[in-house]
Every structure is written in structure tokens, then in C-alpha cells.
Protein backbone atom coordinates (compact mmCIF):
# COMPACT_ATOMS: atom_id res chain seq x y z
CA MET A 1 -30.93 23.04 4.26
CA ARG A 2 -29.73 19.93 3.07
CA ARG A 3 -26.84 21.52 1.42
CA LEU A 4 -25.69 23.01 4.25
CA TRP A 5 -26.69 20.30 6.65
CA MET A 6 -24.26 17.62 4.73
CA VAL A 7 -21.14 20.19 4.01
CA GLY A 8 -21.52 20.39 7.67
CA LEU A 9 -21.28 17.19 8.55
CA GLY A 10 -18.32 17.05 6.01
CA TRP A 11 -16.55 18.94 7.95
CA LEU A 12 -17.13 18.10 10.98
CA LEU A 13 -15.86 14.06 10.08
CA VAL A 14 -12.46 15.97 8.75
CA VAL A 15 -11.86 18.17 11.52
CA GLY A 16 -12.42 15.44 13.44
CA GLY A 17 -10.00 13.64 11.83
CA VAL A 18 -7.67 15.61 11.97
CA VAL A 19 -7.77 15.63 15.24
CA LEU A 20 -7.87 11.98 16.05
CA TYR A 21 -5.36 11.36 13.38
CA PRO A 22 -2.23 10.56 15.92
CA LEU A 23 -4.38 8.22 17.71
CA PRO A 24 -4.37 4.65 16.53
CA GLY A 25 -7.95 4.10 15.02
CA PRO A 26 -10.27 6.38 13.05
CA GLY A 27 -8.86 9.68 11.88
CA LEU A 28 -7.77 8.61 8.46
CA LEU A 29 -11.33 7.05 8.09
CA LEU A 30 -12.77 10.20 9.15
CA ILE A 31 -11.14 12.08 6.58
CA ALA A 32 -11.83 9.50 4.31
CA LEU A 33 -15.51 9.70 4.98
CA GLY A 34 -15.64 13.70 5.16
CA VAL A 35 -14.47 14.43 1.75
CA PRO A 36 -15.99 12.69 -0.10
CA LEU A 37 -19.15 14.26 1.65
CA LEU A 38 -18.07 17.72 0.94
CA ALA A 39 -16.80 16.52 -2.67
CA ARG A 40 -20.69 16.58 -3.41
CA TYR A 41 -21.22 19.89 -2.87
CA ASP A 42 -18.14 21.26 -3.78
CA GLU A 43 -16.37 21.27 -6.96
CA ARG A 44 -12.66 22.49 -5.72
CA ALA A 45 -12.97 19.38 -3.46
CA ALA A 46 -14.49 17.23 -5.91
CA ARG A 47 -11.51 18.19 -8.65
CA TRP A 48 -8.95 17.17 -5.84
CA LEU A 49 -11.10 13.61 -4.44
CA ARG A 50 -11.09 11.99 -7.92
CA PRO A 51 -6.89 11.51 -8.80
CA ALA A 52 -6.75 10.32 -5.23
CA GLN A 53 -9.59 8.14 -5.76
CA ARG A 54 -8.21 7.06 -9.13
CA ARG A 55 -5.27 6.11 -6.87
CA ALA A 56 -6.54 4.70 -4.02
CA LEU A 57 -8.71 1.89 -6.00
CA ARG A 58 -6.16 1.46 -8.43
CA GLU A 59 -3.60 0.35 -4.91
CA THR A 60 -6.77 -1.16 -3.34
CA ALA A 61 -7.08 -3.49 -6.55
CA ARG A 62 -3.47 -4.08 -6.41
CA ALA A 63 -3.75 -5.43 -2.93
CA VAL A 64 -6.58 -8.32 -3.36
CA GLU A 65 -5.57 -8.95 -7.46
CA THR A 66 -3.93 -12.65 -6.48
CA TRP A 67 -5.35 -14.87 -2.88
CA PRO A 68 -2.10 -14.20 -1.17
CA ARG A 69 -2.14 -10.25 -1.31
CA THR A 70 -5.22 -10.77 -0.44
CA LEU A 71 -4.46 -12.95 2.58
CA VAL A 72 -1.63 -10.91 3.43
CA SER A 73 -3.74 -7.56 3.00
CA ALA A 74 -6.39 -9.54 5.97
CA LEU A 75 -4.06 -11.04 7.98
CA VAL A 76 -2.22 -7.38 8.57
CA THR A 77 -5.34 -5.29 8.62
CA ALA A 78 -6.29 -8.19 11.21
CA LEU A 79 -3.11 -7.74 13.18
CA VAL A 80 -3.54 -3.64 13.87
CA GLY A 81 -7.11 -4.25 14.91
CA LEU A 82 -6.24 -6.53 17.49
CA ALA A 83 -3.47 -4.55 18.71
CA GLY A 84 -6.19 -2.65 20.15
CA VAL A 85 -6.98 -5.43 22.56
CA LEU A 86 -3.29 -4.30 24.36
CA TRP A 87 -5.54 -1.04 24.75
CA LEU A 88 -8.32 -2.84 26.36
CA LEU A 89 -6.09 -4.89 28.61
CA GLU A 90 -4.20 -2.22 29.60
CA PRO A 91 -1.23 -4.01 30.17
CA ALA A 92 1.64 -2.70 32.67
CA GLN A 93 4.25 -0.90 30.98
CA PRO A 94 7.27 -3.79 29.86
CA ALA A 95 10.93 -3.54 31.51
CA TRP A 96 12.72 -3.23 28.63
CA TRP A 97 10.29 -0.01 27.40
CA GLY A 98 12.73 3.31 27.65
CA LEU A 99 10.72 5.61 26.63
CA PRO A 100 8.67 7.72 29.46
CA ALA A 101 5.51 5.96 31.23
CA TRP A 102 3.08 8.60 29.21
CA THR A 103 4.13 6.79 25.60
CA TRP A 104 3.41 3.48 26.29
CA LEU A 105 -0.21 2.61 25.27
CA PRO A 106 -1.35 6.54 24.86
CA GLY A 107 -5.07 7.32 24.50
CA GLY A 108 -6.04 4.91 27.24
CA TRP A 109 -9.68 2.08 26.59
CA TRP A 110 -11.47 4.32 24.12
CA ALA A 111 -7.85 4.58 21.85
CA GLY A 112 -8.14 0.48 21.93
CA VAL A 113 -12.03 0.82 21.23
CA SER A 114 -11.37 2.91 17.92
CA GLN A 115 -8.31 0.32 16.78
CA VAL A 116 -10.14 -2.56 17.11
CA ALA A 117 -13.29 -1.08 15.19
CA SER A 118 -11.21 0.41 12.64
CA GLY A 119 -9.67 -3.19 12.37
CA VAL A 120 -12.86 -4.88 12.07
CA VAL A 121 -14.13 -1.97 9.02
CA CYS A 122 -11.00 -2.77 7.24
CA LEU A 123 -11.03 -6.31 7.25
CA ALA A 124 -14.74 -5.31 5.64
CA LEU A 125 -13.15 -3.03 2.92
CA VAL A 126 -10.42 -5.97 2.37
CA ALA A 127 -13.56 -8.30 1.72
CA TRP A 128 -15.58 -5.61 -0.14
CA ALA A 129 -12.06 -4.81 -2.43
CA ARG A 130 -11.72 -8.79 -3.37
CA VAL A 131 -15.09 -8.93 -4.47
CA VAL A 132 -15.48 -5.52 -6.06
CA LEU A 133 -12.48 -4.75 -7.18
CA GLY A 134 -11.06 -8.61 -7.54
CA PRO A 135 -8.76 -10.02 -10.77
CA GLY A 136 -11.12 -9.62 -13.68
CA ARG A 137 -12.62 -6.24 -12.01
CA THR A 138 -10.98 -3.12 -13.35
CA PRO A 139 -10.92 0.19 -10.57
CA ALA A 140 -12.79 2.65 -12.96
CA SER A 141 -15.79 0.29 -12.62
CA ALA A 142 -16.25 1.18 -8.75
CA LEU A 143 -15.25 4.82 -9.46
CA GLY A 144 -18.43 6.13 -11.13
CA SER A 145 -18.21 9.18 -13.12
CA GLY A 146 -16.47 11.19 -10.47
CA GLU A 147 -18.70 14.20 -11.27
CA LEU A 148 -21.58 15.87 -9.13
CA SER A 149 -25.03 15.02 -8.98
CA GLU A 150 -27.44 17.25 -10.95
CA GLU A 151 -28.76 17.77 -7.35
CA SER A 152 -25.30 18.70 -5.77
CA ARG A 153 -24.89 21.28 -8.63
CA ARG A 154 -28.51 23.05 -8.19
CA SER A 155 -27.59 23.40 -4.27
CA ALA A 156 -24.24 24.27 -4.61
CA ALA A 157 -25.40 26.79 -7.27
């Protein structure tokens, strides 16, 4: 029964992420949470996830390899999160905006909330990356074996 709930939650996160992907905010984050959850119970998802996870950890380690890179990563992440404040303030469409009115800050208030929340989560991830993947540490140590757990293997059978 647990397997059914976890696979259902994994698919819910992935589908929700795909739906929210065009909006500023947590679409990609939901996908990034859903796929590993599915991979715990499905070998095909685990095989797809392993190379992507290695690449992501390798690139994340490069982004926090030095203090200047870490600061740039944190600054860009903070600016993206702070841009969500625009949605919360709902400023009027500027005169220089040449596109239709519906393209100015689409998604309303909740898009702003999700973008600010994504900025906070991403800043926490930059801090985590600096501590876990920073200089002198290897991404492989943070990755683990990438194999299905014994419990997951039993329940998948």
C-alpha cells in the first residue's frame, strides 16, 4: 500500500510540475522532487535519473567551487526570488511594454508567492551545495549508490 501512495505522490508531483512549469516558480522543483520519488520504486525511472543526477551534482559543485562563483549563484538566485515581489506588488503595465496587457506579470498573486518561495528554496540549496559540494568535496559522495533500496526492490516485485 505504501508503494502505491508513494508512486501516486511521485506522479502527482511530476504532473503538477509539468502544469506549473510555464509559470515563474516551483514547476521544475516539483518535477525534481517527483522523479526521484518514482525512481525509488521503478528501475526505469532510476536508470533515467542516475545520469541526470550525476550531471546536476557535477554542475552544482562547479557553481560553488570558489567564493566568487558561490556569491554569483546566490546573487542570481536572490534576484530571481526578489523578482517575484513584482507579482506581489502588482505594478501597472509600463508604457514601454509593447506586448498585450495579459502578458504583463501573468499568473497574478500566486505566481509571485511561488516565485518568492522558489527563491528561498534555491538560496537554501546554494548554501547546502557550498557545505556539501564545496571545495575539496566530490559530488559522488553526495550522490550515494543510486540503487533501489531493498524495501523498494521487494515492493516493486
